Amino acid sequence: MTAADDMSGRAEWIEVATFSTGLEADIARDTLEGADIPVLVRSNAPGIFGLAFQGVVVGGIALHVPTPEFERARELLDTPPERHLSLDDEQGRP
């Protein structure tokens, strides 16, 4: 918690990660929200197609979380995604 958190009783939003595409930012946002971490998405240039555009965004897309959730959010984003079984895995077949 920062001094600002202590004085106001409210957490500040802090940048936890930046991404160059909307797709990457959406995946990270979904990961954090799935862990009940609130996320604020900021971008200076959402692209010519609006906020739903999934291509490269000049200036990037930044995700912010409340300061008390920063460490947990970083851990989640730094953890590699789980691997799913591929079709040629023999495990689980009779």
PDB file of N, CA and C in Angstrom:
ATOM      1  N   MET A   1       0.835  -1.183   0.000  1.00  0.00           N
ATOM      2  CA  MET A   1       0.000   0.000   0.000  1.00  0.00           C
ATOM      3  C   MET A   1       0.881   1.249   0.000  1.00  0.00           C
ATOM      4  N   THR A   2       0.495   2.247  -0.752  1.00  0.00           N
ATOM      5  CA  THR A   2       1.277   3.481  -0.809  1.00  0.00           C
ATOM      6  C   THR A   2       0.766   4.473   0.223  1.00  0.00           C
ATOM      7  N   ALA A   3       1.511   5.560   0.405  1.00  0.00           N
ATOM      8  CA  ALA A   3       1.081   6.606   1.330  1.00  0.00           C
ATOM      9  C   ALA A   3      -0.259   7.184   0.898  1.00  0.00           C
ATOM     10  N   ALA A   4      -0.478   7.299  -0.419  1.00  0.00           N
ATOM     11  CA  ALA A   4      -1.754   7.819  -0.919  1.00  0.00           C
ATOM     12  C   ALA A   4      -2.904   6.885  -0.542  1.00  0.00           C
ATOM     13  N   ASP A   5      -2.642   5.570  -0.555  1.00  0.00           N
ATOM     14  CA  ASP A   5      -3.675   4.620  -0.152  1.00  0.00           C
ATOM     15  C   ASP A   5      -4.057   4.838   1.303  1.00  0.00           C
ATOM     16  N   ASP A   6      -3.050   5.038   2.162  1.00  0.00           N
ATOM     17  CA  ASP A   6      -3.283   5.205   3.588  1.00  0.00           C
ATOM     18  C   ASP A   6      -4.067   6.476   3.888  1.00  0.00           C
ATOM     19  N   MET A   7      -3.741   7.567   3.189  1.00  0.00           N
ATOM     20  CA  MET A   7      -4.365   8.853   3.479  1.00  0.00           C
ATOM     21  C   MET A   7      -5.814   8.898   3.037  1.00  0.00           C
ATOM     22  N   SER A   8      -6.134   8.357   1.894  1.00  0.00           N
ATOM     23  CA  SER A   8      -7.487   8.476   1.362  1.00  0.00           C
ATOM     24  C   SER A   8      -8.358   7.282   1.706  1.00  0.00           C
ATOM     25  N   GLY A   9      -7.734   6.155   2.076  1.00  0.00           N
ATOM     26  CA  GLY A   9      -8.511   4.949   2.322  1.00  0.00           C
ATOM     27  C   GLY A   9      -8.905   4.245   1.034  1.00  0.00           C
ATOM     28  N   ARG A  10      -8.488   4.801  -0.100  1.00  0.00           N
ATOM     29  CA  ARG A  10      -8.788   4.211  -1.410  1.00  0.00           C
ATOM     30  C   ARG A  10      -7.494   3.851  -2.103  1.00  0.00           C
ATOM     31  N   ALA A  11      -7.522   2.763  -2.826  1.00  0.00           N
ATOM     32  CA  ALA A  11      -6.335   2.337  -3.562  1.00  0.00           C
ATOM     33  C   ALA A  11      -6.174   3.163  -4.833  1.00  0.00           C
ATOM     34  N   GLU A  12      -4.933   3.346  -5.222  1.00  0.00           N
ATOM     35  CA  GLU A  12      -4.644   3.985  -6.499  1.00  0.00           C
ATOM     36  C   GLU A  12      -4.552   2.900  -7.556  1.00  0.00           C
ATOM     37  N   TRP A  13      -4.720   3.299  -8.818  1.00  0.00           N
ATOM     38  CA  TRP A  13      -4.546   2.377  -9.933  1.00  0.00           C
ATOM     39  C   TRP A  13      -3.115   2.478 -10.386  1.00  0.00           C
ATOM     40  N   ILE A  14      -2.470   1.330 -10.614  1.00  0.00           N
ATOM     41  CA  ILE A  14      -1.081   1.293 -11.022  1.00  0.00           C
ATOM     42  C   ILE A  14      -0.944   0.412 -12.267  1.00  0.00           C
ATOM     43  N   GLU A  15      -0.083   0.838 -13.186  1.00  0.00           N
ATOM     44  CA  GLU A  15       0.116   0.071 -14.417  1.00  0.00           C
ATOM     45  C   GLU A  15       0.814  -1.243 -14.085  1.00  0.00           C
ATOM     46  N   VAL A  16       0.216  -2.330 -14.543  1.00  0.00           N
ATOM     47  CA  VAL A  16       0.776  -3.654 -14.273  1.00  0.00           C
ATOM     48  C   VAL A  16       1.413  -4.261 -15.525  1.00  0.00           C
ATOM     49  N   ALA A  17       0.966  -3.854 -16.708  1.00  0.00           N
ATOM     50  CA  ALA A  17       1.519  -4.398 -17.949  1.00  0.00           C
ATOM     51  C   ALA A  17       1.070  -3.559 -19.131  1.00  0.00           C
ATOM     52  N   THR A  18       1.853  -3.624 -20.215  1.00  0.00           N
ATOM     53  CA  THR A  18       1.454  -2.994 -21.469  1.00  0.00           C
ATOM     54  C   THR A  18       1.573  -4.017 -22.590  1.00  0.00           C
ATOM     55  N   PHE A  19       0.737  -3.839 -23.603  1.00  0.00           N
ATOM     56  CA  PHE A  19       0.679  -4.767 -24.728  1.00  0.00           C
ATOM     57  C   PHE A  19       0.588  -3.982 -26.019  1.00  0.00           C
ATOM     58  N   SER A  20       1.074  -4.594 -27.109  1.00  0.00           N
ATOM     59  CA  SER A  20       1.052  -3.896 -28.394  1.00  0.00           C
ATOM     60  C   SER A  20      -0.197  -4.216 -29.207  1.00  0.00           C
ATOM     61  N   THR A  21      -0.943  -5.266 -28.818  1.00  0.00           N
ATOM     62  CA  THR A  21      -2.163  -5.600 -29.554  1.00  0.00           C
ATOM     63  C   THR A  21      -3.346  -5.722 -28.608  1.00  0.00           C
ATOM     64  N   GLY A  22      -4.518  -5.510 -29.172  1.00  0.00           N
ATOM     65  CA  GLY A  22      -5.740  -5.649 -28.405  1.00  0.00           C
ATOM     66  C   GLY A  22      -5.968  -7.075 -27.937  1.00  0.00           C
ATOM     67  N   LEU A  23      -5.580  -8.050 -28.751  1.00  0.00           N
ATOM     68  CA  LEU A  23      -5.767  -9.446 -28.386  1.00  0.00           C
ATOM     69  C   LEU A  23      -4.954  -9.798 -27.141  1.00  0.00           C
ATOM     70  N   GLU A  24      -3.686  -9.405 -27.119  1.00  0.00           N
ATOM     71  CA  GLU A  24      -2.839  -9.671 -25.946  1.00  0.00           C
ATOM     72  C   GLU A  24      -3.417  -9.020 -24.692  1.00  0.00           C
ATOM     73  N   ALA A  25      -3.853  -7.775 -24.824  1.00  0.00           N
ATOM     74  CA  ALA A  25      -4.423  -7.061 -23.686  1.00  0.00           C
ATOM     75  C   ALA A  25      -5.706  -7.732 -23.206  1.00  0.00           C
ATOM     76  N   ASP A  26      -6.542  -8.192 -24.133  1.00  0.00           N
ATOM     77  CA  ASP A  26      -7.788  -8.869 -23.760  1.00  0.00           C
ATOM     78  C   ASP A  26      -7.523 -10.174 -23.022  1.00  0.00           C
ATOM     79  N   ILE A  27      -6.532 -10.934 -23.466  1.00  0.00           N
ATOM     80  CA  ILE A  27      -6.195 -12.196 -22.792  1.00  0.00           C
ATOM     81  C   ILE A  27      -5.714 -11.915 -21.372  1.00  0.00           C
ATOM     82  N   ALA A  28      -4.845 -10.926 -21.213  1.00  0.00           N
ATOM     83  CA  ALA A  28      -4.343 -10.572 -19.880  1.00  0.00           C
ATOM     84  C   ALA A  28      -5.470 -10.051 -19.000  1.00  0.00           C
ATOM     85  N   ARG A  29      -6.327  -9.209 -19.560  1.00  0.00           N
ATOM     86  CA  ARG A  29      -7.457  -8.682 -18.788  1.00  0.00           C
ATOM     87  C   ARG A  29      -8.365  -9.806 -18.323  1.00  0.00           C
ATOM     88  N   ASP A  30      -8.666 -10.745 -19.205  1.00  0.00           N
ATOM     89  CA  ASP A  30      -9.512 -11.887 -18.841  1.00  0.00           C
ATOM     90  C   ASP A  30      -8.870 -12.726 -17.739  1.00  0.00           C
ATOM     91  N   THR A  31      -7.549 -12.899 -17.799  1.00  0.00           N
ATOM     92  CA  THR A  31      -6.830 -13.648 -16.769  1.00  0.00           C
ATOM     93  C   THR A  31      -6.991 -12.975 -15.412  1.00  0.00           C
ATOM     94  N   LEU A  32      -6.796 -11.661 -15.381  1.00  0.00           N
ATOM     95  CA  LEU A  32      -6.902 -10.925 -14.122  1.00  0.00           C
ATOM     96  C   LEU A  32      -8.337 -10.896 -13.600  1.00  0.00           C
ATOM     97  N   GLU A  33      -9.278 -10.624 -14.477  1.00  0.00           N
ATOM     98  CA  GLU A  33     -10.677 -10.585 -14.044  1.00  0.00           C
ATOM     99  C   GLU A  33     -11.152 -11.959 -13.585  1.00  0.00           C
ATOM    100  N   GLY A  34     -10.608 -13.025 -14.188  1.00  0.00           N
ATOM    101  CA  GLY A  34     -10.945 -14.376 -13.766  1.00  0.00           C
ATOM    102  C   GLY A  34     -10.472 -14.666 -12.347  1.00  0.00           C
ATOM    103  N   ALA A  35      -9.477 -13.910 -11.884  1.00  0.00           N
ATOM    104  CA  ALA A  35      -8.967 -14.044 -10.518  1.00  0.00           C
ATOM    105  C   ALA A  35      -9.558 -12.970  -9.611  1.00  0.00           C
ATOM    106  N   ASP A  36     -10.648 -12.345 -10.054  1.00  0.00           N
ATOM    107  CA  ASP A  36     -11.348 -11.297  -9.294  1.00  0.00           C
ATOM    108  C   ASP A  36     -10.480 -10.070  -9.005  1.00  0.00           C
ATOM    109  N   ILE A  37      -9.605  -9.739  -9.957  1.00  0.00           N
ATOM    110  CA  ILE A  37      -8.806  -8.520  -9.851  1.00  0.00           C
ATOM    111  C   ILE A  37      -9.401  -7.500 -10.805  1.00  0.00           C
ATOM    112  N   PRO A  38      -9.841  -6.350 -10.290  1.00  0.00           N
ATOM    113  CA  PRO A  38     -10.382  -5.319 -11.184  1.00  0.00           C
ATOM    114  C   PRO A  38      -9.293  -4.780 -12.108  1.00  0.00           C
ATOM    115  N   VAL A  39      -9.678  -4.477 -13.338  1.00  0.00           N
ATOM    116  CA  VAL A  39      -8.709  -4.028 -14.347  1.00  0.00           C
ATOM    117  C   VAL A  39      -9.237  -2.780 -15.043  1.00  0.00           C
ATOM    118  N   LEU A  40      -8.361  -1.819 -15.220  1.00  0.00           N
ATOM    119  CA  LEU A  40      -8.663  -0.615 -15.982  1.00  0.00           C
ATOM    120  C   LEU A  40      -7.784  -0.658 -17.226  1.00  0.00           C
ATOM    121  N   VAL A  41      -8.396  -0.561 -18.405  1.00  0.00           N
ATOM    122  CA  VAL A  41      -7.662  -0.623 -19.673  1.00  0.00           C
ATOM    123  C   VAL A  41      -7.515   0.800 -20.202  1.00  0.00           C
ATOM    124  N   ARG A  42      -6.262   1.173 -20.524  1.00  0.00           N
ATOM    125  CA  ARG A  42      -6.000   2.517 -21.054  1.00  0.00           C
ATOM    126  C   ARG A  42      -5.200   2.427 -22.335  1.00  0.00           C
ATOM    127  N   SER A  43      -5.624   3.236 -23.299  1.00  0.00           N
ATOM    128  CA  SER A  43      -4.910   3.318 -24.568  1.00  0.00           C
ATOM    129  C   SER A  43      -5.119   4.696 -25.156  1.00  0.00           C
ATOM    130  N   ASN A  44      -4.060   5.273 -25.684  1.00  0.00           N
ATOM    131  CA  ASN A  44      -4.163   6.574 -26.340  1.00  0.00           C
ATOM    132  C   ASN A  44      -4.699   6.456 -27.752  1.00  0.00           C
ATOM    133  N   ALA A  45      -4.512   5.295 -28.368  1.00  0.00           N
ATOM    134  CA  ALA A  45      -4.912   5.119 -29.759  1.00  0.00           C
ATOM    135  C   ALA A  45      -5.555   3.746 -29.944  1.00  0.00           C
ATOM    136  N   PRO A  46      -6.876   3.650 -29.826  1.00  0.00           N
ATOM    137  CA  PRO A  46      -7.521   2.349 -29.940  1.00  0.00           C
ATOM    138  C   PRO A  46      -7.556   1.789 -31.357  1.00  0.00           C
ATOM    139  N   GLY A  47      -7.024   2.506 -32.301  1.00  0.00           N
ATOM    140  CA  GLY A  47      -7.036   2.029 -33.685  1.00  0.00           C
ATOM    141  C   GLY A  47      -8.214   2.613 -34.437  1.00  0.00           C
ATOM    142  N   ILE A  48      -8.171   2.508 -35.745  1.00  0.00           N
ATOM    143  CA  ILE A  48      -9.204   3.129 -36.563  1.00  0.00           C
ATOM    144  C   ILE A  48     -10.530   2.377 -36.494  1.00  0.00           C
ATOM    145  N   PHE A  49     -10.521   1.160 -35.952  1.00  0.00           N
ATOM    146  CA  PHE A  49     -11.742   0.374 -35.901  1.00  0.00           C
ATOM    147  C   PHE A  49     -12.410   0.415 -34.530  1.00  0.00           C
ATOM    148  N   GLY A  50     -11.892   1.218 -33.602  1.00  0.00           N
ATOM    149  CA  GLY A  50     -12.496   1.326 -32.285  1.00  0.00           C
ATOM    150  C   GLY A  50     -11.878   0.374 -31.279  1.00  0.00           C
ATOM    151  N   LEU A  51     -12.472   0.303 -30.093  1.00  0.00           N
ATOM    152  CA  LEU A  51     -11.903  -0.455 -28.992  1.00  0.00           C
ATOM    153  C   LEU A  51     -11.892  -1.956 -29.228  1.00  0.00           C
ATOM    154  N   ALA A  52     -12.705  -2.464 -30.139  1.00  0.00           N
ATOM    155  CA  ALA A  52     -12.744  -3.904 -30.396  1.00  0.00           C
ATOM    156  C   ALA A  52     -11.644  -4.356 -31.350  1.00  0.00           C
ATOM    157  N   PHE A  53     -10.900  -3.428 -31.903  1.00  0.00           N
ATOM    158  CA  PHE A  53      -9.820  -3.753 -32.835  1.00  0.00           C
ATOM    159  C   PHE A  53      -8.769  -4.611 -32.136  1.00  0.00           C
ATOM    160  N   GLN A  54      -8.356  -5.729 -32.762  1.00  0.00           N
ATOM    161  CA  GLN A  54      -7.423  -6.653 -32.125  1.00  0.00           C
ATOM    162  C   GLN A  54      -6.000  -6.579 -32.689  1.00  0.00           C
ATOM    163  N   GLY A  55      -5.740  -5.697 -33.611  1.00  0.00           N
ATOM    164  CA  GLY A  55      -4.409  -5.595 -34.203  1.00  0.00           C
ATOM    165  C   GLY A  55      -3.480  -4.730 -33.373  1.00  0.00           C
ATOM    166  N   VAL A  56      -2.327  -4.393 -33.962  1.00  0.00           N
ATOM    167  CA  VAL A  56      -1.324  -3.578 -33.280  1.00  0.00           C
ATOM    168  C   VAL A  56      -1.879  -2.180 -33.033  1.00  0.00           C
ATOM    169  N   VAL A  57      -1.675  -1.683 -31.818  1.00  0.00           N
ATOM    170  CA  VAL A  57      -2.142  -0.360 -31.429  1.00  0.00           C
ATOM    171  C   VAL A  57      -0.927   0.517 -31.172  1.00  0.00           C
ATOM    172  N   VAL A  58      -0.782   1.582 -31.936  1.00  0.00           N
ATOM    173  CA  VAL A  58       0.324   2.513 -31.755  1.00  0.00           C
ATOM    174  C   VAL A  58       0.230   3.104 -30.354  1.00  0.00           C
ATOM    175  N   GLY A  59       1.317   3.054 -29.618  1.00  0.00           N
ATOM    176  CA  GLY A  59       1.310   3.569 -28.249  1.00  0.00           C
ATOM    177  C   GLY A  59       0.979   2.504 -27.235  1.00  0.00           C
ATOM    178  N   GLY A  60       0.487   1.360 -27.687  1.00  0.00           N
ATOM    179  CA  GLY A  60       0.207   0.242 -26.796  1.00  0.00           C
ATOM    180  C   GLY A  60      -1.057   0.387 -25.973  1.00  0.00           C
ATOM    181  N   ILE A  61      -1.345  -0.665 -25.253  1.00  0.00           N
ATOM    182  CA  ILE A  61      -2.501  -0.723 -24.367  1.00  0.00           C
ATOM    183  C   ILE A  61      -1.975  -1.076 -22.985  1.00  0.00           C
ATOM    184  N   ALA A  62      -2.310  -0.259 -21.994  1.00  0.00           N
ATOM    185  CA  ALA A  62      -1.828  -0.470 -20.633  1.00  0.00           C
ATOM    186  C   ALA A  62      -2.962  -0.992 -19.757  1.00  0.00           C
ATOM    187  N   LEU A  63      -2.637  -1.976 -18.931  1.00  0.00           N
ATOM    188  CA  LEU A  63      -3.587  -2.485 -17.952  1.00  0.00           C
ATOM    189  C   LEU A  63      -3.173  -1.966 -16.581  1.00  0.00           C
ATOM    190  N   HIS A  64      -4.153  -1.457 -15.846  1.00  0.00           N
ATOM    191  CA  HIS A  64      -3.918  -0.942 -14.497  1.00  0.00           C
ATOM    192  C   HIS A  64      -4.759  -1.745 -13.512  1.00  0.00           C
ATOM    193  N   VAL A  65      -4.206  -1.955 -12.323  1.00  0.00           N
ATOM    194  CA  VAL A  65      -4.912  -2.654 -11.249  1.00  0.00           C
ATOM    195  C   VAL A  65      -4.789  -1.819  -9.980  1.00  0.00           C
ATOM    196  N   PRO A  66      -5.668  -2.042  -8.988  1.00  0.00           N
ATOM    197  CA  PRO A  66      -5.513  -1.337  -7.711  1.00  0.00           C
ATOM    198  C   PRO A  66      -4.188  -1.746  -7.051  1.00  0.00           C
ATOM    199  N   THR A  67      -3.538  -0.804  -6.396  1.00  0.00           N
ATOM    200  CA  THR A  67      -2.222  -1.075  -5.813  1.00  0.00           C
ATOM    201  C   THR A  67      -2.192  -2.306  -4.903  1.00  0.00           C
ATOM    202  N   PRO A  68      -3.212  -2.589  -4.092  1.00  0.00           N
ATOM    203  CA  PRO A  68      -3.120  -3.790  -3.252  1.00  0.00           C
ATOM    204  C   PRO A  68      -3.100  -5.097  -4.056  1.00  0.00           C
ATOM    205  N   GLU A  69      -3.537  -5.061  -5.313  1.00  0.00           N
ATOM    206  CA  GLU A  69      -3.584  -6.265  -6.147  1.00  0.00           C
ATOM    207  C   GLU A  69      -2.388  -6.389  -7.090  1.00  0.00           C
ATOM    208  N   PHE A  70      -1.459  -5.418  -7.039  1.00  0.00           N
ATOM    209  CA  PHE A  70      -0.365  -5.386  -8.009  1.00  0.00           C
ATOM    210  C   PHE A  70       0.477  -6.660  -8.006  1.00  0.00           C
ATOM    211  N   GLU A  71       0.948  -7.091  -6.842  1.00  0.00           N
ATOM    212  CA  GLU A  71       1.832  -8.262  -6.776  1.00  0.00           C
ATOM    213  C   GLU A  71       1.129  -9.519  -7.282  1.00  0.00           C
ATOM    214  N   ARG A  72      -0.111  -9.716  -6.878  1.00  0.00           N
ATOM    215  CA  ARG A  72      -0.857 -10.894  -7.318  1.00  0.00           C
ATOM    216  C   ARG A  72      -1.086 -10.842  -8.832  1.00  0.00           C
ATOM    217  N   ALA A  73      -1.383  -9.659  -9.347  1.00  0.00           N
ATOM    218  CA  ALA A  73      -1.589  -9.498 -10.791  1.00  0.00           C
ATOM    219  C   ALA A  73      -0.309  -9.809 -11.558  1.00  0.00           C
ATOM    220  N   ARG A  74       0.841  -9.323 -11.079  1.00  0.00           N
ATOM    221  CA  ARG A  74       2.116  -9.601 -11.739  1.00  0.00           C
ATOM    222  C   ARG A  74       2.396 -11.101 -11.755  1.00  0.00           C
ATOM    223  N   GLU A  75       2.132 -11.772 -10.641  1.00  0.00           N
ATOM    224  CA  GLU A  75       2.339 -13.223 -10.574  1.00  0.00           C
ATOM    225  C   GLU A  75       1.486 -13.941 -11.612  1.00  0.00           C
ATOM    226  N   LEU A  76       0.215 -13.561 -11.702  1.00  0.00           N
ATOM    227  CA  LEU A  76      -0.685 -14.199 -12.668  1.00  0.00           C
ATOM    228  C   LEU A  76      -0.216 -13.975 -14.100  1.00  0.00           C
ATOM    229  N   LEU A  77       0.210 -12.765 -14.408  1.00  0.00           N
ATOM    230  CA  LEU A  77       0.631 -12.456 -15.768  1.00  0.00           C
ATOM    231  C   LEU A  77       1.985 -13.077 -16.101  1.00  0.00           C
ATOM    232  N   ASP A  78       2.813 -13.308 -15.087  1.00  0.00           N
ATOM    233  CA  ASP A  78       4.131 -13.904 -15.315  1.00  0.00           C
ATOM    234  C   ASP A  78       4.091 -15.432 -15.369  1.00  0.00           C
ATOM    235  N   THR A  79       2.991 -16.032 -14.931  1.00  0.00           N
ATOM    236  CA  THR A  79       2.865 -17.490 -14.931  1.00  0.00           C
ATOM    237  C   THR A  79       2.477 -17.964 -16.323  1.00  0.00           C
ATOM    238  N   PRO A  80       3.231 -18.923 -16.880  1.00  0.00           N
ATOM    239  CA  PRO A  80       2.869 -19.430 -18.216  1.00  0.00           C
ATOM    240  C   PRO A  80       1.482 -20.073 -18.181  1.00  0.00           C
ATOM    241  N   PRO A  81       0.733 -19.958 -19.265  1.00  0.00           N
ATOM    242  CA  PRO A  81      -0.603 -20.570 -19.300  1.00  0.00           C
ATOM    243  C   PRO A  81      -0.489 -22.085 -19.221  1.00  0.00           C
ATOM    244  N   GLU A  82      -1.547 -22.716 -18.708  1.00  0.00           N
ATOM    245  CA  GLU A  82      -1.569 -24.176 -18.631  1.00  0.00           C
ATOM    246  C   GLU A  82      -1.579 -24.757 -20.034  1.00  0.00           C
ATOM    247  N   ARG A  83      -0.911 -25.882 -20.168  1.00  0.00           N
ATOM    248  CA  ARG A  83      -0.912 -26.570 -21.455  1.00  0.00           C
ATOM    249  C   ARG A  83      -2.077 -27.544 -21.482  1.00  0.00           C
ATOM    250  N   HIS A  84      -2.720 -27.608 -22.604  1.00  0.00           N
ATOM    251  CA  HIS A  84      -3.827 -28.543 -22.792  1.00  0.00           C
ATOM    252  C   HIS A  84      -3.327 -29.731 -23.608  1.00  0.00           C
ATOM    253  N   LEU A  85      -3.947 -30.862 -23.403  1.00  0.00           N
ATOM    254  CA  LEU A  85      -3.558 -32.047 -24.154  1.00  0.00           C
ATOM    255  C   LEU A  85      -3.806 -31.834 -25.633  1.00  0.00           C
ATOM    256  N   SER A  86      -2.851 -32.270 -26.436  1.00  0.00           N
ATOM    257  CA  SER A  86      -3.045 -32.184 -27.880  1.00  0.00           C
ATOM    258  C   SER A  86      -3.735 -33.439 -28.365  1.00  0.00           C
ATOM    259  N   LEU A  87      -4.162 -33.434 -29.592  1.00  0.00           N
ATOM    260  CA  LEU A  87      -4.879 -34.574 -30.148  1.00  0.00           C
ATOM    261  C   LEU A  87      -4.008 -35.824 -30.242  1.00  0.00           C
ATOM    262  N   ASP A  88      -2.672 -35.672 -30.332  1.00  0.00           N
ATOM    263  CA  ASP A  88      -1.827 -36.854 -30.450  1.00  0.00           C
ATOM    264  C   ASP A  88      -1.276 -37.338 -29.119  1.00  0.00           C
ATOM    265  N   ASP A  89      -1.727 -36.777 -27.990  1.00  0.00           N
ATOM    266  CA  ASP A  89      -1.343 -37.295 -26.692  1.00  0.00           C
ATOM    267  C   ASP A  89      -2.033 -38.622 -26.450  1.00  0.00           C
ATOM    268  N   GLU A  90      -1.295 -39.620 -26.001  1.00  0.00           N
ATOM    269  CA  GLU A  90      -1.843 -40.947 -25.752  1.00  0.00           C
ATOM    270  C   GLU A  90      -2.503 -41.043 -24.385  1.00  0.00           C
ATOM    271  N   GLN A  91      -2.232 -40.075 -23.506  1.00  0.00           N
ATOM    272  CA  GLN A  91      -2.776 -40.131 -22.145  1.00  0.00           C
ATOM    273  C   GLN A  91      -4.294 -40.067 -22.176  1.00  0.00           C
ATOM    274  N   GLY A  92      -4.915 -40.965 -21.440  1.00  0.00           N
ATOM    275  CA  GLY A  92      -6.372 -40.944 -21.342  1.00  0.00           C
ATOM    276  C   GLY A  92      -7.083 -41.760 -22.404  1.00  0.00           C
ATOM    277  N   ARG A  93      -6.333 -42.353 -23.323  1.00  0.00           N
ATOM    278  CA  ARG A  93      -6.952 -43.190 -24.357  1.00  0.00           C
ATOM    279  C   ARG A  93      -6.952 -44.641 -23.906  1.00  0.00           C
ATOM    280  N   PRO A  94      -7.983 -45.410 -24.268  1.00  0.00           N
ATOM    281  CA  PRO A  94      -8.002 -46.832 -23.887  1.00  0.00           C
ATOM    282  C   PRO A  94      -7.005 -47.663 -24.648  1.00  0.00           C
TER     283      PRO A  94
END
